[in-house]
Amino acid sequence: MRLDKFMKVARLSKRRTVAKEALEAGRVLRAGHALKAGYQVKAGDELEIHYARRTVTVRVLAVPERPGARVDPATLYEVLAEHAEELPPL
């Protein structure tokens, strides 16, 4: 399954287009390398996702065979680390 679609199905992103924009901006990394939207996600992949004010590292546990099937997003990945980024003082 494509990474942008996986992020949508797993609810790591609200919409697939938002996931694609994040990927194009280089805000999703695997082993220190930026990924593209077409990357084929596999179980065991560790992804580092940079949101606006936090960074989340997740491990992919499962990839659904059918993206339209009812799947509990919590069963697709586990959060390994989460860091809130401090805002600089004004």
N, C-alpha and C. Protein backbone atom coordinates (compact mmCIF):
# COMPACT_ATOMS: atom_id res chain seq x y z
N MET A 1 0.85 -1.17 0.00
CA MET A 1 0.00 0.00 0.00
C MET A 1 0.90 1.24 0.00
N ARG A 2 0.49 2.23 -0.76
CA ARG A 2 1.23 3.48 -0.84
C ARG A 2 1.25 4.17 0.54
N LEU A 3 2.33 4.87 0.82
CA LEU A 3 2.49 5.51 2.12
C LEU A 3 1.43 6.59 2.36
N ASP A 4 1.11 7.39 1.36
CA ASP A 4 0.10 8.43 1.57
C ASP A 4 -1.27 7.82 1.90
N LYS A 5 -1.60 6.72 1.26
CA LYS A 5 -2.87 6.03 1.54
C LYS A 5 -2.83 5.39 2.93
N PHE A 6 -1.68 4.80 3.31
CA PHE A 6 -1.56 4.19 4.63
C PHE A 6 -1.74 5.24 5.72
N MET A 7 -1.12 6.40 5.54
CA MET A 7 -1.24 7.46 6.54
C MET A 7 -2.69 7.89 6.73
N LYS A 8 -3.46 7.90 5.66
CA LYS A 8 -4.88 8.25 5.74
C LYS A 8 -5.66 7.14 6.46
N VAL A 9 -5.46 5.88 6.05
CA VAL A 9 -6.18 4.75 6.63
C VAL A 9 -5.85 4.61 8.12
N ALA A 10 -4.58 4.82 8.49
CA ALA A 10 -4.14 4.68 9.87
C ALA A 10 -4.44 5.94 10.70
N ARG A 11 -4.99 6.93 10.06
CA ARG A 11 -5.32 8.20 10.70
C ARG A 11 -4.10 8.93 11.26
N LEU A 12 -2.99 8.78 10.57
CA LEU A 12 -1.81 9.57 10.88
C LEU A 12 -1.90 10.92 10.18
N SER A 13 -2.84 11.01 9.25
CA SER A 13 -3.13 12.23 8.52
C SER A 13 -4.63 12.30 8.30
N LYS A 14 -5.18 13.51 8.33
CA LYS A 14 -6.63 13.64 8.17
C LYS A 14 -7.09 13.31 6.75
N ARG A 15 -6.29 13.75 5.79
CA ARG A 15 -6.65 13.50 4.38
C ARG A 15 -5.42 13.02 3.63
N ARG A 16 -5.66 12.30 2.56
CA ARG A 16 -4.56 11.78 1.75
C ARG A 16 -3.76 12.91 1.11
N THR A 17 -4.44 13.98 0.73
CA THR A 17 -3.72 15.11 0.12
C THR A 17 -2.79 15.77 1.13
N VAL A 18 -3.21 15.83 2.38
CA VAL A 18 -2.35 16.40 3.43
C VAL A 18 -1.14 15.50 3.64
N ALA A 19 -1.34 14.20 3.62
CA ALA A 19 -0.23 13.25 3.75
C ALA A 19 0.73 13.42 2.57
N LYS A 20 0.20 13.57 1.38
CA LYS A 20 1.04 13.73 0.19
C LYS A 20 1.86 15.01 0.27
N GLU A 21 1.25 16.09 0.75
CA GLU A 21 1.98 17.36 0.90
C GLU A 21 3.11 17.22 1.91
N ALA A 22 2.85 16.52 3.02
CA ALA A 22 3.89 16.30 4.04
C ALA A 22 5.04 15.48 3.46
N LEU A 23 4.70 14.48 2.67
CA LEU A 23 5.73 13.65 2.05
C LEU A 23 6.55 14.44 1.05
N GLU A 24 5.90 15.27 0.26
CA GLU A 24 6.62 16.09 -0.72
C GLU A 24 7.53 17.10 -0.04
N ALA A 25 7.14 17.55 1.17
CA ALA A 25 7.95 18.51 1.92
C ALA A 25 9.08 17.84 2.69
N GLY A 26 9.15 16.51 2.66
CA GLY A 26 10.22 15.79 3.33
C GLY A 26 10.03 15.67 4.84
N ARG A 27 8.78 15.69 5.30
CA ARG A 27 8.51 15.63 6.74
C ARG A 27 8.24 14.22 7.25
N VAL A 28 8.35 13.22 6.39
CA VAL A 28 8.20 11.83 6.81
C VAL A 28 9.49 11.10 6.43
N LEU A 29 10.14 10.52 7.45
CA LEU A 29 11.45 9.90 7.24
C LEU A 29 11.42 8.43 7.63
N ARG A 30 12.27 7.67 6.97
CA ARG A 30 12.53 6.27 7.34
C ARG A 30 14.04 6.11 7.29
N ALA A 31 14.64 5.74 8.40
CA ALA A 31 16.10 5.58 8.51
C ALA A 31 16.82 6.86 8.09
N GLY A 32 16.24 8.00 8.42
CA GLY A 32 16.88 9.27 8.13
C GLY A 32 16.69 9.79 6.72
N HIS A 33 15.97 9.06 5.88
CA HIS A 33 15.77 9.47 4.49
C HIS A 33 14.30 9.84 4.26
N ALA A 34 14.08 10.93 3.55
CA ALA A 34 12.72 11.37 3.24
C ALA A 34 12.08 10.37 2.28
N LEU A 35 10.79 10.11 2.51
CA LEU A 35 10.05 9.17 1.68
C LEU A 35 9.13 9.89 0.71
N LYS A 36 8.78 9.19 -0.36
CA LYS A 36 7.83 9.72 -1.33
C LYS A 36 6.47 9.07 -1.11
N ALA A 37 5.43 9.68 -1.67
CA ALA A 37 4.05 9.20 -1.49
C ALA A 37 3.87 7.78 -2.00
N GLY A 38 4.60 7.38 -3.02
CA GLY A 38 4.45 6.06 -3.61
C GLY A 38 5.22 4.96 -2.91
N TYR A 39 5.92 5.27 -1.83
CA TYR A 39 6.68 4.25 -1.10
C TYR A 39 5.73 3.16 -0.63
N GLN A 40 6.09 1.90 -0.85
CA GLN A 40 5.26 0.77 -0.45
C GLN A 40 5.55 0.41 1.01
N VAL A 41 4.58 0.66 1.87
CA VAL A 41 4.74 0.43 3.30
C VAL A 41 4.75 -1.07 3.59
N LYS A 42 5.63 -1.48 4.52
CA LYS A 42 5.71 -2.87 4.93
C LYS A 42 5.65 -2.93 6.45
N ALA A 43 5.15 -4.03 6.97
CA ALA A 43 5.14 -4.23 8.42
C ALA A 43 6.58 -4.20 8.92
N GLY A 44 6.82 -3.51 10.01
CA GLY A 44 8.16 -3.39 10.57
C GLY A 44 8.83 -2.07 10.25
N ASP A 45 8.31 -1.32 9.28
CA ASP A 45 8.89 -0.02 8.95
C ASP A 45 8.74 0.93 10.13
N GLU A 46 9.80 1.69 10.43
CA GLU A 46 9.74 2.72 11.45
C GLU A 46 9.76 4.07 10.75
N LEU A 47 8.72 4.85 10.99
CA LEU A 47 8.55 6.13 10.32
C LEU A 47 8.63 7.26 11.34
N GLU A 48 9.33 8.31 10.97
CA GLU A 48 9.42 9.52 11.80
C GLU A 48 8.62 10.60 11.09
N ILE A 49 7.56 11.07 11.73
CA ILE A 49 6.65 12.03 11.11
C ILE A 49 6.76 13.35 11.85
N HIS A 50 7.09 14.41 11.11
CA HIS A 50 7.23 15.75 11.68
C HIS A 50 5.95 16.53 11.42
N TYR A 51 5.17 16.72 12.49
CA TYR A 51 3.98 17.56 12.41
C TYR A 51 4.40 18.99 12.72
N ALA A 52 3.46 19.91 12.77
CA ALA A 52 3.77 21.33 12.98
C ALA A 52 4.52 21.56 14.30
N ARG A 53 4.05 20.95 15.40
CA ARG A 53 4.66 21.22 16.69
C ARG A 53 5.09 19.97 17.45
N ARG A 54 5.12 18.85 16.77
CA ARG A 54 5.56 17.63 17.43
C ARG A 54 6.11 16.66 16.40
N THR A 55 6.91 15.74 16.89
CA THR A 55 7.48 14.70 16.06
C THR A 55 7.07 13.36 16.66
N VAL A 56 6.57 12.47 15.82
CA VAL A 56 6.11 11.16 16.27
C VAL A 56 6.86 10.08 15.50
N THR A 57 7.36 9.09 16.23
CA THR A 57 7.99 7.93 15.61
C THR A 57 7.07 6.73 15.81
N VAL A 58 6.71 6.08 14.71
CA VAL A 58 5.79 4.94 14.78
C VAL A 58 6.41 3.73 14.08
N ARG A 59 5.98 2.55 14.51
CA ARG A 59 6.36 1.30 13.85
C ARG A 59 5.11 0.72 13.22
N VAL A 60 5.17 0.40 11.95
CA VAL A 60 4.04 -0.18 11.24
C VAL A 60 3.92 -1.64 11.67
N LEU A 61 2.73 -1.99 12.18
CA LEU A 61 2.48 -3.36 12.63
C LEU A 61 1.81 -4.20 11.56
N ALA A 62 0.92 -3.58 10.80
CA ALA A 62 0.19 -4.30 9.76
C ALA A 62 -0.22 -3.33 8.67
N VAL A 63 -0.36 -3.87 7.48
CA VAL A 63 -0.83 -3.09 6.34
C VAL A 63 -2.10 -3.77 5.84
N PRO A 64 -3.24 -3.06 5.85
CA PRO A 64 -4.48 -3.70 5.41
C PRO A 64 -4.42 -4.06 3.92
N GLU A 65 -5.02 -5.20 3.58
CA GLU A 65 -5.03 -5.64 2.19
C GLU A 65 -5.99 -4.79 1.37
N ARG A 66 -7.13 -4.45 1.97
CA ARG A 66 -8.11 -3.61 1.30
C ARG A 66 -8.26 -2.32 2.08
N PRO A 67 -7.89 -1.19 1.48
CA PRO A 67 -7.94 0.07 2.22
C PRO A 67 -9.35 0.49 2.61
N GLY A 68 -10.37 0.04 1.90
CA GLY A 68 -11.73 0.42 2.20
C GLY A 68 -12.36 -0.40 3.32
N ALA A 69 -11.72 -1.49 3.71
CA ALA A 69 -12.28 -2.36 4.75
C ALA A 69 -12.23 -1.65 6.10
N ARG A 70 -13.18 -1.97 6.95
CA ARG A 70 -13.21 -1.39 8.30
C ARG A 70 -12.07 -1.97 9.11
N VAL A 71 -11.12 -1.12 9.45
CA VAL A 71 -9.95 -1.54 10.20
C VAL A 71 -9.75 -0.56 11.35
N ASP A 72 -9.44 -1.09 12.52
CA ASP A 72 -9.14 -0.23 13.67
C ASP A 72 -7.75 0.36 13.46
N PRO A 73 -7.65 1.69 13.31
CA PRO A 73 -6.34 2.30 13.04
C PRO A 73 -5.30 2.00 14.12
N ALA A 74 -5.74 1.78 15.36
CA ALA A 74 -4.80 1.52 16.45
C ALA A 74 -4.06 0.20 16.26
N THR A 75 -4.59 -0.71 15.45
CA THR A 75 -3.93 -2.00 15.23
C THR A 75 -2.90 -1.94 14.11
N LEU A 76 -2.83 -0.83 13.39
CA LEU A 76 -1.93 -0.73 12.25
C LEU A 76 -0.53 -0.24 12.61
N TYR A 77 -0.40 0.47 13.73
CA TYR A 77 0.91 1.00 14.12
C TYR A 77 0.98 1.16 15.63
N GLU A 78 2.22 1.29 16.11
CA GLU A 78 2.44 1.61 17.53
C GLU A 78 3.35 2.82 17.60
N VAL A 79 3.07 3.68 18.56
CA VAL A 79 3.88 4.88 18.76
C VAL A 79 5.10 4.50 19.58
N LEU A 80 6.27 4.77 19.03
CA LEU A 80 7.53 4.47 19.73
C LEU A 80 8.02 5.66 20.54
N ALA A 81 7.85 6.86 19.99
CA ALA A 81 8.30 8.07 20.67
C ALA A 81 7.48 9.25 20.16
N GLU A 82 7.32 10.22 21.05
CA GLU A 82 6.60 11.44 20.68
C GLU A 82 7.28 12.60 21.40
N HIS A 83 7.66 13.61 20.64
CA HIS A 83 8.35 14.75 21.19
C HIS A 83 7.62 16.03 20.80
N ALA A 84 7.26 16.83 21.80
CA ALA A 84 6.68 18.13 21.52
C ALA A 84 7.81 19.11 21.31
N GLU A 85 7.68 19.93 20.29
CA GLU A 85 8.73 20.90 19.99
C GLU A 85 8.43 22.20 20.71
N GLU A 86 9.42 22.71 21.38
CA GLU A 86 9.27 23.95 22.13
C GLU A 86 9.24 25.14 21.17
N LEU A 87 8.35 26.07 21.49
CA LEU A 87 8.32 27.31 20.71
C LEU A 87 9.33 28.29 21.28
N PRO A 88 10.01 29.04 20.45
CA PRO A 88 10.98 30.00 20.96
C PRO A 88 10.23 31.13 21.70
N PRO A 89 10.86 31.68 22.75
CA PRO A 89 10.22 32.78 23.48
C PRO A 89 10.08 34.02 22.60
N LEU A 90 9.06 34.78 22.89
CA LEU A 90 8.82 36.00 22.10
C LEU A 90 9.69 37.14 22.54
